[in-house]
Amino acid sequence: MTRFFSILSLLLFAFAGYTQTNNKPCSNPIYRQFDFWIGEWEAYGLNGKKAGDSKISLILDSCIVLEEWTSVAVTQGLRYAGKSFNTYNAARKQWQQTWVDNTGGSTEYPEGKYEDNKIVFKTTPFLFSGDTMAVRKLTFFNLGKEKVRQLGEISKDNGLTWITEYDLEYRRRRK
């Protein structure tokens, strides 16, 4: 029993030391690379029409960049909505995104890299249709404090060529 209390005391001491020195485990500047997207946005397509609204915030002690998206259009009585969870994976030294939506869909982007003032996410190859494999790429361009571009692309030839699925300009919502 004494040994149990010794081990418990050691674990509590180690945890207390961790929390005192690391109150914010995601405070390293690398975790802040995607902060340019934080805020409330209106998203517009290339045609100039509003596509949706998006609120981006930090959650879980600033470790997760959370997107909350709602489309403008209603299709078959449903207003499309979804959330993305974006985080830097220190063990893999890359960004990751998980998208989930109100149609039961989800997309994993396990590869993400920040460079040249943009962040690029990629999926692993997946079965698109029949025997066609595809890869999706999602790029966020930091266009300054008032704009972010989000470009969604797909490749059916292992990344040799890319087809645009959507191209949105996020404009910061005026308060």
Protein backbone atom coordinates (compact mmCIF):
# COMPACT_ATOMS: atom_id res chain seq x y z
CA MET A 1 0.00 0.00 0.00
CA THR A 2 2.89 2.35 0.80
CA ARG A 3 4.34 1.66 -2.63
CA PHE A 4 1.00 2.59 -4.24
CA PHE A 5 0.96 5.96 -2.45
CA SER A 6 4.59 6.56 -3.42
CA ILE A 7 3.80 5.96 -7.09
CA LEU A 8 0.63 8.07 -6.87
CA SER A 9 2.56 10.91 -5.21
CA LEU A 10 5.24 10.72 -7.91
CA LEU A 11 2.61 10.86 -10.69
CA LEU A 12 0.83 13.80 -9.07
CA PHE A 13 4.13 15.63 -8.63
CA ALA A 14 5.07 15.00 -12.28
CA PHE A 15 1.64 16.18 -13.47
CA ALA A 16 1.83 19.30 -11.28
CA GLY A 17 5.25 20.09 -12.73
CA TYR A 18 3.90 19.61 -16.26
CA THR A 19 0.94 21.91 -15.71
CA GLN A 20 3.07 24.61 -14.07
CA THR A 21 5.55 24.75 -16.95
CA ASN A 22 3.10 23.98 -19.76
CA ASN A 23 -0.17 25.75 -19.02
CA LYS A 24 -0.75 26.06 -22.76
CA PRO A 25 0.74 23.02 -24.49
CA CYS A 26 -0.12 24.46 -27.94
CA SER A 27 1.51 27.85 -27.39
CA ASN A 28 4.49 27.01 -29.61
CA PRO A 29 4.43 29.40 -32.63
CA ILE A 30 4.00 26.47 -35.04
CA TYR A 31 0.47 26.00 -33.64
CA ARG A 32 -0.33 29.61 -34.60
CA GLN A 33 0.38 29.21 -38.34
CA PHE A 34 -3.32 28.82 -39.17
CA ASP A 35 -4.53 31.66 -36.94
CA PHE A 36 -4.94 33.89 -40.01
CA TRP A 37 -8.25 32.07 -40.58
CA ILE A 38 -9.69 32.86 -37.13
CA GLY A 39 -12.74 35.12 -37.21
CA GLU A 40 -16.21 35.38 -38.70
CA TRP A 41 -16.42 35.23 -42.48
CA GLU A 42 -18.76 35.43 -45.44
CA ALA A 43 -17.62 33.14 -48.26
CA TYR A 44 -18.16 33.99 -51.93
CA GLY A 45 -17.72 31.92 -55.08
CA LEU A 46 -15.91 33.11 -58.19
CA ASN A 47 -19.28 34.16 -59.59
CA GLY A 48 -19.55 36.77 -56.80
CA LYS A 49 -22.51 35.03 -55.13
CA LYS A 50 -22.43 34.35 -51.43
CA ALA A 51 -21.85 30.64 -50.77
CA GLY A 52 -22.00 30.57 -46.98
CA ASP A 53 -20.97 31.79 -43.57
CA SER A 54 -18.11 30.49 -41.51
CA LYS A 55 -17.03 31.05 -37.94
CA ILE A 56 -13.45 30.05 -37.12
CA SER A 57 -12.33 29.88 -33.49
CA LEU A 58 -9.72 28.36 -31.23
CA ILE A 59 -10.87 25.62 -28.87
CA LEU A 60 -9.33 23.15 -26.42
CA ASP A 61 -6.72 25.50 -24.97
CA SER A 62 -5.86 26.88 -28.43
CA CYS A 63 -4.88 23.45 -29.79
CA ILE A 64 -7.71 23.18 -32.34
CA VAL A 65 -8.80 25.62 -35.04
CA LEU A 66 -12.54 24.93 -35.33
CA GLU A 67 -14.56 25.88 -38.41
CA GLU A 68 -18.35 26.08 -38.27
CA TRP A 69 -19.76 26.35 -41.82
CA THR A 70 -23.29 26.97 -43.02
CA SER A 71 -24.19 27.20 -46.72
CA VAL A 72 -26.55 29.84 -48.07
CA ALA A 73 -28.34 27.49 -50.48
CA VAL A 74 -30.99 25.05 -49.40
CA THR A 75 -31.01 21.78 -51.38
CA GLN A 76 -33.87 19.32 -50.97
CA GLY A 77 -34.95 21.12 -47.81
CA LEU A 78 -31.50 20.93 -46.22
CA ARG A 79 -29.10 23.79 -45.56
CA TYR A 80 -25.67 22.15 -45.81
CA ALA A 81 -23.54 22.64 -42.68
CA GLY A 82 -20.34 21.20 -41.32
CA LYS A 83 -17.39 21.58 -39.02
CA SER A 84 -13.69 21.12 -39.51
CA PHE A 85 -11.18 20.38 -36.79
CA ASN A 86 -7.67 21.55 -37.68
CA THR A 87 -4.60 20.88 -35.58
CA TYR A 88 -0.86 20.65 -35.79
CA ASN A 89 0.32 17.10 -35.09
CA ALA A 90 3.69 17.58 -33.39
CA ALA A 91 4.56 13.87 -33.59
CA ARG A 92 4.12 13.84 -37.38
CA LYS A 93 5.29 17.46 -37.83
CA GLN A 94 2.34 18.38 -40.02
CA TRP A 95 -1.12 19.89 -39.99
CA GLN A 96 -4.25 17.72 -40.15
CA GLN A 97 -7.92 18.42 -40.83
CA THR A 98 -11.05 16.40 -40.20
CA TRP A 99 -14.28 17.60 -41.86
CA VAL A 100 -17.73 16.36 -40.79
CA ASP A 101 -21.13 17.50 -42.06
CA ASN A 102 -24.89 17.22 -41.63
CA THR A 103 -25.25 14.74 -44.49
CA GLY A 104 -23.22 12.09 -42.69
CA GLY A 105 -20.12 12.88 -44.71
CA SER A 106 -16.57 13.20 -43.48
CA THR A 107 -13.18 13.81 -45.05
CA GLU A 108 -9.78 13.24 -43.48
CA TYR A 109 -6.82 15.34 -44.58
CA PRO A 110 -3.94 13.66 -42.70
CA GLU A 111 -1.23 15.63 -44.53
CA GLY A 112 -0.91 19.37 -44.13
CA LYS A 113 1.96 21.78 -44.62
CA TYR A 114 2.32 25.50 -44.03
CA GLU A 115 4.67 27.47 -46.27
CA ASP A 116 4.66 30.62 -48.40
CA ASN A 117 1.77 32.12 -46.38
CA LYS A 118 -0.60 29.24 -47.15
CA ILE A 119 -1.53 25.88 -45.72
CA VAL A 120 -2.11 22.86 -47.99
CA PHE A 121 -3.98 19.75 -46.85
CA LYS A 122 -4.17 16.44 -48.78
CA THR A 123 -6.15 13.27 -48.37
CA THR A 124 -4.71 9.83 -48.85
CA PRO A 125 -5.80 8.15 -52.10
CA PHE A 126 -9.40 6.93 -51.98
CA LEU A 127 -11.77 5.06 -54.29
CA PHE A 128 -13.66 7.75 -56.23
CA SER A 129 -15.83 5.58 -58.50
CA GLY A 130 -15.53 2.18 -60.13
CA ASP A 131 -11.79 1.55 -60.12
CA THR A 132 -10.77 5.24 -60.17
CA MET A 133 -8.61 6.39 -57.28
CA ALA A 134 -8.47 10.07 -56.34
CA VAL A 135 -6.75 12.51 -53.98
CA ARG A 136 -8.23 15.75 -52.68
CA LYS A 137 -6.21 18.88 -51.94
CA LEU A 138 -7.43 21.82 -49.87
CA THR A 139 -5.41 25.05 -49.88
CA PHE A 140 -5.94 28.10 -47.66
CA PHE A 141 -4.21 31.28 -48.87
CA ASN A 142 -3.60 34.07 -46.36
CA LEU A 143 -4.58 37.20 -48.34
CA GLY A 144 -4.23 39.63 -45.42
CA LYS A 145 -6.41 40.48 -42.44
CA GLU A 146 -9.61 40.79 -44.46
CA LYS A 147 -9.48 37.86 -46.93
CA VAL A 148 -8.66 34.17 -47.13
CA ARG A 149 -8.95 32.04 -50.25
CA GLN A 150 -10.01 28.40 -49.92
CA LEU A 151 -9.35 26.23 -52.97
CA GLY A 152 -10.65 22.65 -53.11
CA GLU A 153 -9.21 20.42 -55.83
CA ILE A 154 -9.29 16.76 -56.85
CA SER A 155 -6.83 14.65 -58.82
CA LYS A 156 -7.66 11.34 -60.46
CA ASP A 157 -4.12 10.77 -61.77
CA ASN A 158 -2.15 10.69 -58.51
CA GLY A 159 -1.56 14.45 -58.37
CA LEU A 160 -0.31 15.01 -61.92
CA THR A 161 -3.28 17.26 -62.74
CA TRP A 162 -5.84 18.95 -60.52
CA ILE A 163 -9.49 19.87 -61.16
CA THR A 164 -11.07 22.68 -59.13
CA GLU A 165 -14.08 21.52 -57.11
CA TYR A 166 -14.65 24.90 -55.46
CA ASP A 167 -12.85 28.21 -55.06
CA LEU A 168 -14.05 30.50 -52.27
CA GLU A 169 -13.02 33.92 -51.09
CA TYR A 170 -13.62 34.41 -47.38
CA ARG A 171 -14.32 38.05 -46.51
CA ARG A 172 -14.14 39.08 -42.88
CA ARG A 173 -17.60 39.89 -41.54
CA ARG A 174 -18.00 43.54 -40.57
CA LYS A 175 -19.14 44.06 -37.00
